């Protein structure tokens, strides 16, 4: 890491140190839940790091986190460096001002910082990078993923997705599995059920309506898939009929 770099850390252990030769510390413990907004490693103020975390309201965050690598670094010299540097400067100014609403402003700026970092990573020219972002940046796999996300209820097959990607069925299935870590139809199933759980928790649609919305023509098939994925039935989770 160098001055001005940004890193996004997923659900992985990490350590930090004030010097390459210094004693490392458990990074996660530096910002305990409900703890201080300031963390100090070693002595002095020669190096200042700004950190924060993003929390998801429910288990649906697992789907996104499982699709991202454990560690993402955006270098200071990256294409988005101008925007990232500007956001970091604004965050630093907010902390120095300590004015009314600082926490709210800093939180919103942190959201912008994460989005800029993800934009940069998805736009990188390195097509060999594995993971969901790498697949989105791949011209062929990206077309297939966007097609699934835009019409989740379509009767997708591997052959249909391969046609969207402009690849043979075998080549598409192999590359998709290698890049994302799961076969195409397994990804489709996980995304459908993730969306279904979100809709059911809003408690405004029937189970049958949600099943059809995400591409299940049989309510029993939907219930079985839901039970296998989440260990419970759609009805017992939501109370809707």
Protein backbone atom coordinates (compact mmCIF):
# COMPACT_ATOMS: atom_id res chain seq x y z
CA UNK A 1 0.00 0.00 0.00
CA UNK A 2 1.15 3.53 -0.83
CA UNK A 3 -0.12 6.99 0.00
CA UNK A 4 -3.45 7.58 -1.70
CA UNK A 5 -4.22 3.88 -2.31
CA UNK A 6 -7.66 2.53 -1.43
CA UNK A 7 -8.37 -1.06 -0.44
CA UNK A 8 -11.65 -2.86 0.10
CA UNK A 9 -11.44 -5.82 2.46
CA UNK A 10 -14.14 -8.47 2.48
CA UNK A 11 -14.70 -11.21 5.02
CA UNK A 12 -11.06 -12.02 5.45
CA UNK A 13 -8.57 -11.63 8.26
CA UNK A 14 -5.95 -8.90 7.88
CA UNK A 15 -3.18 -7.27 9.88
CA UNK A 16 -1.78 -3.74 9.94
CA UNK A 17 1.50 -2.28 11.15
CA UNK A 18 2.97 1.20 11.46
CA UNK A 19 6.20 0.00 9.82
CA UNK A 20 7.15 -2.99 7.64
CA UNK A 21 9.44 -4.14 10.43
CA UNK A 22 7.01 -3.28 13.22
CA UNK A 23 4.75 -5.56 15.18
CA UNK A 24 1.56 -6.32 13.23
CA UNK A 25 -1.89 -5.94 14.79
CA UNK A 26 -5.19 -7.62 14.04
CA UNK A 27 -6.91 -5.14 11.74
CA UNK A 28 -10.47 -6.12 12.57
CA UNK A 29 -9.95 -5.47 16.27
CA UNK A 30 -8.88 -1.88 15.68
CA UNK A 31 -12.43 -0.78 14.97
CA UNK A 32 -14.63 -2.86 17.30
CA UNK A 33 -18.39 -2.48 17.12
CA UNK A 34 -19.36 0.65 19.01
CA UNK A 35 -15.70 1.55 19.50
CA UNK A 36 -13.70 4.69 18.80
CA UNK A 37 -13.64 6.34 15.38
CA UNK A 38 -9.86 6.70 15.71
CA UNK A 39 -7.39 3.82 15.71
CA UNK A 40 -3.71 4.19 16.54
CA UNK A 41 -0.96 1.74 15.59
CA UNK A 42 2.41 2.47 17.12
CA UNK A 43 3.36 6.03 18.08
CA UNK A 44 3.26 9.37 16.33
CA UNK A 45 1.04 10.84 13.63
CA UNK A 46 3.33 10.51 10.62
CA UNK A 47 0.90 8.13 8.92
CA UNK A 48 -2.86 8.58 9.03
CA UNK A 49 -5.23 5.99 7.58
CA UNK A 50 -8.95 6.51 7.08
CA UNK A 51 -11.06 3.40 7.46
CA UNK A 52 -14.67 2.40 7.70
CA UNK A 53 -17.03 -0.51 7.21
CA UNK A 54 -20.18 -1.31 5.28
CA UNK A 55 -22.96 -3.33 6.89
CA UNK A 56 -25.80 -5.09 5.09
CA UNK A 57 -29.31 -5.11 6.51
CA UNK A 58 -29.83 -8.84 6.04
CA UNK A 59 -28.25 -12.05 4.81
CA UNK A 60 -28.61 -10.98 1.19
CA UNK A 61 -25.27 -9.26 1.57
CA UNK A 62 -23.73 -12.73 1.52
CA UNK A 63 -24.52 -13.04 -2.17
CA UNK A 64 -22.51 -9.94 -3.10
CA UNK A 65 -19.64 -10.66 -0.72
CA UNK A 66 -19.34 -14.21 -2.01
CA UNK A 67 -18.94 -12.81 -5.53
CA UNK A 68 -16.10 -10.44 -4.59
CA UNK A 69 -12.49 -11.27 -3.80
CA UNK A 70 -11.36 -10.92 -0.20
CA UNK A 71 -9.07 -7.97 -0.94
CA UNK A 72 -9.32 -5.27 -3.60
CA UNK A 73 -6.68 -2.56 -4.04
CA UNK A 74 -7.12 0.57 -6.13
CA UNK A 75 -3.78 2.27 -6.69
CA UNK A 76 -3.36 6.02 -6.38
CA UNK A 77 -2.33 6.17 -10.05
CA UNK A 78 -5.47 4.35 -11.26
CA UNK A 79 -7.85 5.88 -13.80
CA UNK A 80 -10.26 6.91 -11.05
CA UNK A 81 -7.47 8.43 -8.95
CA UNK A 82 -8.76 11.97 -9.43
CA UNK A 83 -12.21 11.19 -8.09
CA UNK A 84 -10.85 8.98 -5.32
CA UNK A 85 -8.31 11.60 -4.23
CA UNK A 86 -11.04 14.25 -4.15
CA UNK A 87 -13.32 12.09 -2.00
CA UNK A 88 -10.48 11.20 0.39
CA UNK A 89 -9.64 14.89 0.73
CA UNK A 90 -13.27 15.74 1.51
CA UNK A 91 -13.44 12.98 4.12
CA UNK A 92 -10.24 14.24 5.76
CA UNK A 93 -11.60 17.79 5.81
CA UNK A 94 -14.81 16.62 7.45
CA UNK A 95 -12.91 14.92 10.26
CA UNK A 96 -10.72 17.98 10.77
CA UNK A 97 -13.71 20.34 10.85
CA UNK A 98 -15.66 18.23 13.32
CA UNK A 99 -18.73 20.30 12.45
CA UNK A 100 -22.42 19.49 12.77
CA UNK A 101 -23.39 16.52 10.62
CA UNK A 102 -19.80 15.35 10.10
CA UNK A 103 -20.71 11.69 10.67
CA UNK A 104 -23.53 11.84 8.10
CA UNK A 105 -21.43 13.59 5.47
CA UNK A 106 -18.46 11.27 6.01
CA UNK A 107 -20.71 8.21 5.70
CA UNK A 108 -22.12 9.40 2.38
CA UNK A 109 -18.65 10.22 1.09
CA UNK A 110 -17.53 6.74 2.08
CA UNK A 111 -20.35 5.31 -0.03
CA UNK A 112 -19.07 7.32 -3.01
CA UNK A 113 -15.55 6.09 -2.35
CA UNK A 114 -16.64 2.44 -2.43
CA UNK A 115 -18.58 2.98 -5.67
CA UNK A 116 -15.59 4.67 -7.32
CA UNK A 117 -13.33 1.83 -6.22
CA UNK A 118 -15.71 -0.79 -7.64
CA UNK A 119 -16.03 1.20 -10.87
CA UNK A 120 -12.29 1.26 -11.28
CA UNK A 121 -11.96 -2.44 -10.60
CA UNK A 122 -14.74 -3.33 -13.04
CA UNK A 123 -13.20 -1.15 -15.76
CA UNK A 124 -9.66 -2.50 -15.44
CA UNK A 125 -8.22 -4.05 -18.58
CA UNK A 126 -7.05 -7.18 -16.76
CA UNK A 127 -9.49 -9.77 -18.08
CA UNK A 128 -7.67 -12.54 -16.24
CA UNK A 129 -8.93 -11.35 -12.85
CA UNK A 130 -11.31 -13.86 -11.35
CA UNK A 131 -14.51 -13.05 -9.52
CA UNK A 132 -17.77 -11.33 -10.25
CA UNK A 133 -16.21 -7.97 -11.15
CA UNK A 134 -13.83 -9.65 -13.54
CA UNK A 135 -16.76 -11.40 -15.22
CA UNK A 136 -18.67 -8.13 -15.57
CA UNK A 137 -15.66 -6.50 -17.23
CA UNK A 138 -15.31 -9.39 -19.67
CA UNK A 139 -17.17 -8.47 -22.89
CA UNK A 140 -18.76 -11.89 -23.36
CA UNK A 141 -19.44 -12.97 -19.79
CA UNK A 142 -20.60 -9.45 -18.99
CA UNK A 143 -23.29 -9.64 -21.67
CA UNK A 144 -24.62 -12.87 -20.20
CA UNK A 145 -24.64 -11.52 -16.64
CA UNK A 146 -26.42 -8.33 -17.65
CA UNK A 147 -29.01 -10.37 -19.56
CA UNK A 148 -29.72 -12.48 -16.46
CA UNK A 149 -29.97 -9.45 -14.18
CA UNK A 150 -32.27 -7.56 -16.54
CA UNK A 151 -34.70 -10.49 -17.04
CA UNK A 152 -34.36 -12.90 -14.14
CA UNK A 153 -37.65 -14.69 -14.93
CA UNK A 154 -36.67 -15.69 -18.47
CA UNK A 155 -36.34 -19.46 -19.04
CA UNK A 156 -32.56 -19.28 -19.19
CA UNK A 157 -30.52 -22.30 -20.20
CA UNK A 158 -26.77 -22.64 -20.58
CA UNK A 159 -27.25 -22.71 -24.34
CA UNK A 160 -29.30 -19.49 -24.29
CA UNK A 161 -26.75 -17.69 -22.13
CA UNK A 162 -23.91 -18.95 -24.32
CA UNK A 163 -25.70 -17.53 -27.35
CA UNK A 164 -25.95 -14.12 -25.63
CA UNK A 165 -22.24 -14.30 -24.86
CA UNK A 166 -21.43 -15.36 -28.42
CA UNK A 167 -19.68 -18.54 -27.29
CA UNK A 168 -20.15 -22.26 -27.61
CA UNK A 169 -22.06 -23.92 -24.79
CA UNK A 170 -19.05 -25.82 -23.50
CA UNK A 171 -16.64 -22.88 -23.70
CA UNK A 172 -19.11 -20.54 -21.99
CA UNK A 173 -19.88 -22.95 -19.17
CA UNK A 174 -16.18 -23.60 -18.52
CA UNK A 175 -15.18 -19.93 -18.57
CA UNK A 176 -18.15 -18.83 -16.44
CA UNK A 177 -17.41 -21.48 -13.83
CA UNK A 178 -13.71 -20.63 -13.75
CA UNK A 179 -14.29 -16.87 -13.55
CA UNK A 180 -17.11 -16.75 -11.00
CA UNK A 181 -16.51 -19.99 -9.17
CA UNK A 182 -19.93 -21.50 -9.80
CA UNK A 183 -21.69 -22.93 -12.90
CA UNK A 184 -24.06 -20.62 -14.84
CA UNK A 185 -27.31 -22.23 -13.69
CA UNK A 186 -26.13 -22.39 -10.07
CA UNK A 187 -25.46 -18.64 -10.23
CA UNK A 188 -28.88 -18.07 -11.79
CA UNK A 189 -30.57 -20.10 -9.06
CA UNK A 190 -28.73 -18.26 -6.26
CA UNK A 191 -29.62 -14.86 -7.72
CA UNK A 192 -33.27 -15.81 -8.17
CA UNK A 193 -33.59 -16.99 -4.59
CA UNK A 194 -31.75 -13.96 -3.25
CA UNK A 195 -34.22 -11.66 -5.01
CA UNK A 196 -37.13 -13.82 -3.86
CA UNK A 197 -36.09 -13.57 -0.22
CA UNK A 198 -35.89 -9.78 -0.49
CA UNK A 199 -39.37 -9.59 -2.02
CA UNK A 200 -40.88 -11.95 0.56
CA UNK A 201 -39.48 -9.90 3.43
CA UNK A 202 -41.31 -6.85 2.13
CA UNK A 203 -44.49 -8.84 2.83
CA UNK A 204 -46.48 -7.32 -0.02
CA UNK A 205 -46.57 -10.26 -2.46
CA UNK A 206 -47.86 -13.80 -2.21
CA UNK A 207 -45.42 -16.69 -2.38
CA UNK A 208 -46.86 -17.69 -5.75
CA UNK A 209 -46.41 -14.17 -7.15
CA UNK A 210 -42.81 -14.02 -5.97
CA UNK A 211 -42.09 -17.47 -7.40
CA UNK A 212 -43.36 -16.40 -10.82
CA UNK A 213 -41.52 -13.07 -10.62
CA UNK A 214 -38.17 -14.82 -10.29
CA UNK A 215 -38.85 -17.46 -12.93
CA UNK A 216 -40.43 -20.43 -11.13
CA UNK A 217 -43.55 -21.76 -12.82
CA UNK A 218 -44.19 -24.23 -9.99
CA UNK A 219 -44.76 -23.00 -6.44
CA UNK A 220 -43.69 -26.38 -5.06
CA UNK A 221 -40.42 -26.28 -7.01
CA UNK A 222 -39.80 -22.78 -5.70
CA UNK A 223 -40.52 -23.86 -2.12
CA UNK A 224 -38.15 -26.82 -2.41
CA UNK A 225 -35.36 -24.65 -3.84
CA UNK A 226 -35.94 -22.03 -1.15
CA UNK A 227 -35.79 -24.65 1.60
CA UNK A 228 -32.56 -26.10 0.23
CA UNK A 229 -30.95 -22.66 0.04
CA UNK A 230 -32.12 -21.12 3.33
CA UNK A 231 -33.21 -24.05 5.49
CA UNK A 232 -36.81 -22.86 5.79
CA UNK A 233 -39.93 -22.42 3.67
CA UNK A 234 -41.07 -19.16 2.07
CA UNK A 235 -44.25 -19.20 4.15
CA UNK A 236 -42.57 -19.78 7.49
CA UNK A 237 -40.15 -16.92 6.80
CA UNK A 238 -42.76 -14.36 5.87
CA UNK A 239 -46.18 -15.48 6.97
CA UNK A 240 -47.64 -14.61 3.56
CA UNK A 241 -50.00 -16.94 1.76
